[in-house]
Amino acid sequence: MTANPTEYQKAQDEIRALEERLQRLQQTDPIGAKGFTKAGIRKMIARLHEELAVYEGSEEARQSGSH
């Protein structure tokens, strides 16, 4: 769970790294090859996006609550 700005940045960096890895796999392996690996990477990216969305929502709630 992303709980602070440092973890948020690390999650964004991890997403970028996973997207780059997925891009390399798509270029080097034809459609159908290494499908489980590609699907796993996509799931990890989706999970990280969900964590970031939860964090962003909690930050918005904190900021709007202090106004």
C-alpha atoms as a PDB file:
ATOM      1  CA  MET A   1       0.000   0.000   0.000  1.00  0.00           C
ATOM      2  CA  THR A   2       1.326   3.407  -0.937  1.00  0.00           C
ATOM      3  CA  ALA A   3       1.390   5.534   2.201  1.00  0.00           C
ATOM      4  CA  ASN A   4       3.625   8.519   1.460  1.00  0.00           C
ATOM      5  CA  PRO A   5       5.121  10.564  -1.403  1.00  0.00           C
ATOM      6  CA  THR A   6       8.335   8.498  -1.428  1.00  0.00           C
ATOM      7  CA  GLU A   7       6.424   5.233  -1.881  1.00  0.00           C
ATOM      8  CA  TYR A   8       4.257   6.934  -4.511  1.00  0.00           C
ATOM      9  CA  GLN A   9       7.356   7.898  -6.516  1.00  0.00           C
ATOM     10  CA  LYS A  10       8.786   4.386  -6.152  1.00  0.00           C
ATOM     11  CA  ALA A  11       5.525   2.912  -7.461  1.00  0.00           C
ATOM     12  CA  GLN A  12       5.604   5.272 -10.459  1.00  0.00           C
ATOM     13  CA  ASP A  13       9.207   4.254 -11.164  1.00  0.00           C
ATOM     14  CA  GLU A  14       8.235   0.595 -10.928  1.00  0.00           C
ATOM     15  CA  ILE A  15       5.371   1.136 -13.391  1.00  0.00           C
ATOM     16  CA  ARG A  16       7.770   2.749 -15.871  1.00  0.00           C
ATOM     17  CA  ALA A  17      10.224  -0.135 -15.510  1.00  0.00           C
ATOM     18  CA  LEU A  18       7.460  -2.707 -15.994  1.00  0.00           C
ATOM     19  CA  GLU A  19       6.107  -0.872 -19.037  1.00  0.00           C
ATOM     20  CA  GLU A  20       9.608  -0.826 -20.546  1.00  0.00           C
ATOM     21  CA  ARG A  21      10.005  -4.544 -19.841  1.00  0.00           C
ATOM     22  CA  LEU A  22       6.640  -5.259 -21.444  1.00  0.00           C
ATOM     23  CA  GLN A  23       7.613  -3.160 -24.469  1.00  0.00           C
ATOM     24  CA  ARG A  24      10.849  -5.150 -24.895  1.00  0.00           C
ATOM     25  CA  LEU A  25       8.963  -8.442 -24.630  1.00  0.00           C
ATOM     26  CA  GLN A  26       6.457  -7.308 -27.235  1.00  0.00           C
ATOM     27  CA  GLN A  27       9.264  -6.368 -29.608  1.00  0.00           C
ATOM     28  CA  THR A  28      11.355  -9.507 -29.133  1.00  0.00           C
ATOM     29  CA  ASP A  29       8.619 -12.127 -28.839  1.00  0.00           C
ATOM     30  CA  PRO A  30       5.783 -12.545 -31.335  1.00  0.00           C
ATOM     31  CA  ILE A  31       2.132 -12.523 -30.341  1.00  0.00           C
ATOM     32  CA  GLY A  32       1.390 -15.631 -28.324  1.00  0.00           C
ATOM     33  CA  ALA A  33       4.972 -16.158 -27.153  1.00  0.00           C
ATOM     34  CA  LYS A  34       5.618 -15.556 -23.474  1.00  0.00           C
ATOM     35  CA  GLY A  35       1.964 -14.703 -23.031  1.00  0.00           C
ATOM     36  CA  PHE A  36       1.938 -15.582 -19.338  1.00  0.00           C
ATOM     37  CA  THR A  37       4.898 -13.300 -18.698  1.00  0.00           C
ATOM     38  CA  LYS A  38       3.237 -10.412 -20.536  1.00  0.00           C
ATOM     39  CA  ALA A  39      -0.040 -10.988 -18.710  1.00  0.00           C
ATOM     40  CA  GLY A  40       1.768 -11.056 -15.374  1.00  0.00           C
ATOM     41  CA  ILE A  41       3.492  -7.769 -16.114  1.00  0.00           C
ATOM     42  CA  ARG A  42       0.182  -6.195 -17.121  1.00  0.00           C
ATOM     43  CA  LYS A  43      -1.377  -7.389 -13.836  1.00  0.00           C
ATOM     44  CA  MET A  44       1.493  -5.878 -11.823  1.00  0.00           C
ATOM     45  CA  ILE A  45       1.081  -2.577 -13.686  1.00  0.00           C
ATOM     46  CA  ALA A  46      -2.678  -2.606 -13.023  1.00  0.00           C
ATOM     47  CA  ARG A  47      -2.127  -3.336  -9.311  1.00  0.00           C
ATOM     48  CA  LEU A  48       0.307  -0.438  -9.008  1.00  0.00           C
ATOM     49  CA  HIS A  49      -2.111   1.898 -10.793  1.00  0.00           C
ATOM     50  CA  GLU A  50      -4.812   0.879  -8.304  1.00  0.00           C
ATOM     51  CA  GLU A  51      -2.510   1.586  -5.360  1.00  0.00           C
ATOM     52  CA  LEU A  52      -1.629   4.999  -6.771  1.00  0.00           C
ATOM     53  CA  ALA A  53      -5.312   5.808  -7.308  1.00  0.00           C
ATOM     54  CA  VAL A  54      -6.095   4.956  -3.671  1.00  0.00           C
ATOM     55  CA  TYR A  55      -3.209   7.127  -2.497  1.00  0.00           C
ATOM     56  CA  GLU A  56      -4.227  10.007  -4.766  1.00  0.00           C
ATOM     57  CA  GLY A  57      -7.798   9.755  -3.488  1.00  0.00           C
ATOM     58  CA  SER A  58      -6.660   9.840   0.118  1.00  0.00           C
ATOM     59  CA  GLU A  59      -4.419  12.849  -0.573  1.00  0.00           C
ATOM     60  CA  GLU A  60      -7.332  14.704  -2.213  1.00  0.00           C
ATOM     61  CA  ALA A  61      -9.532  13.908   0.771  1.00  0.00           C
ATOM     62  CA  ARG A  62      -6.903  15.215   3.188  1.00  0.00           C
ATOM     63  CA  GLN A  63      -6.375  18.396   1.191  1.00  0.00           C
ATOM     64  CA  SER A  64     -10.078  19.139   0.766  1.00  0.00           C
ATOM     65  CA  GLY A  65     -10.664  18.431   4.445  1.00  0.00           C
ATOM     66  CA  SER A  66      -8.131  21.043   5.472  1.00  0.00           C
ATOM     67  CA  HIS A  67      -9.766  23.842   3.436  1.00  0.00           C
END
